[in-house]
Amino acid sequence: MLEIQGVFASYGKSPVLDSIDMSIAPGESVTLLGRNGVGKSTLLRTIVGLHPVSSGSISFLGENVTKSPSYQRARLGIGYVPQGRGIFPHLSVEENLRLGTAAGEQGDNPKEEIPDYIYELFPVLRRVSQRKGGVLSGGEQQQLAIARAMVARPKLLILDEPTEGIQPSIVQQIEETLLQVRHQLKIGILLVEQYLDFAWSIGDKFYVMRRGQIVATGNPRESDPSSVHHLLSV
């Protein structure tokens, strides 16, 4: 579904991504691990079209999207939940969700009905649907950010540290929701995460980044967590 080959990217003259190769199959869940500042968020932004590629290629569903704008990638089926949530604080929950519909394949109907499965996955959002996004708790805002990305019916959901600053009970809810997304809706997931236990429960495959490069990959069920911890601490 997603194929990244030899991708380089930089900020000005400072290189950030160094020959990144990565692949995600349809419905597969992949976790991207690494210490802060190694380029994980930049890689996600590059995939969704918010940061330019210096060289290399990105293909999605067999289509080369290396130079495609972000809205075209969204309409192809890439959903993105940025670090820090990125909701509209002065709009209601319902208004945030309706704006999410404009990112889908149709792309021209922000008044499209919100799918029932959104409120089934995130029942708290139905209860607070008329509240402003800015008055929600951190956990509710994170659920809103994920729901807004899913309203557009993505084929691949990309999440940048969805558990950051979230209390443990909500982290558990988010984990259960993402497992439903995988198994019931058959949506692929690319997840940047610091908590190894959370990442292990979600992912079919993991990649470890260090200094802008992929230095390891594997299957969580066949890998020793202590060896991965060591890679992350180096």
Foldseek 3Di string as FASTA:
>chain_A
DKWWFQWWFADVPGTQAGGETDDDDFLFEEEEEADPRNCPLVVVCQQLANGATPDTFMDDPRHTCNPPHNLVVLQVFEFEQHPVRPFQQAAFLQLSQLCLLLSYNVNPGSPDDQDPVLCVLVVVCVVRRRHGLNVDDLLVSLSSSQSSRCSNPGQEYEYEASCPPPDPVSLVSVLVSLVCCSPPVRHYYYYYHHDPVSNLSRHQKYFYGGNNYTDDMDGSVPDDVVVVVVVRVD
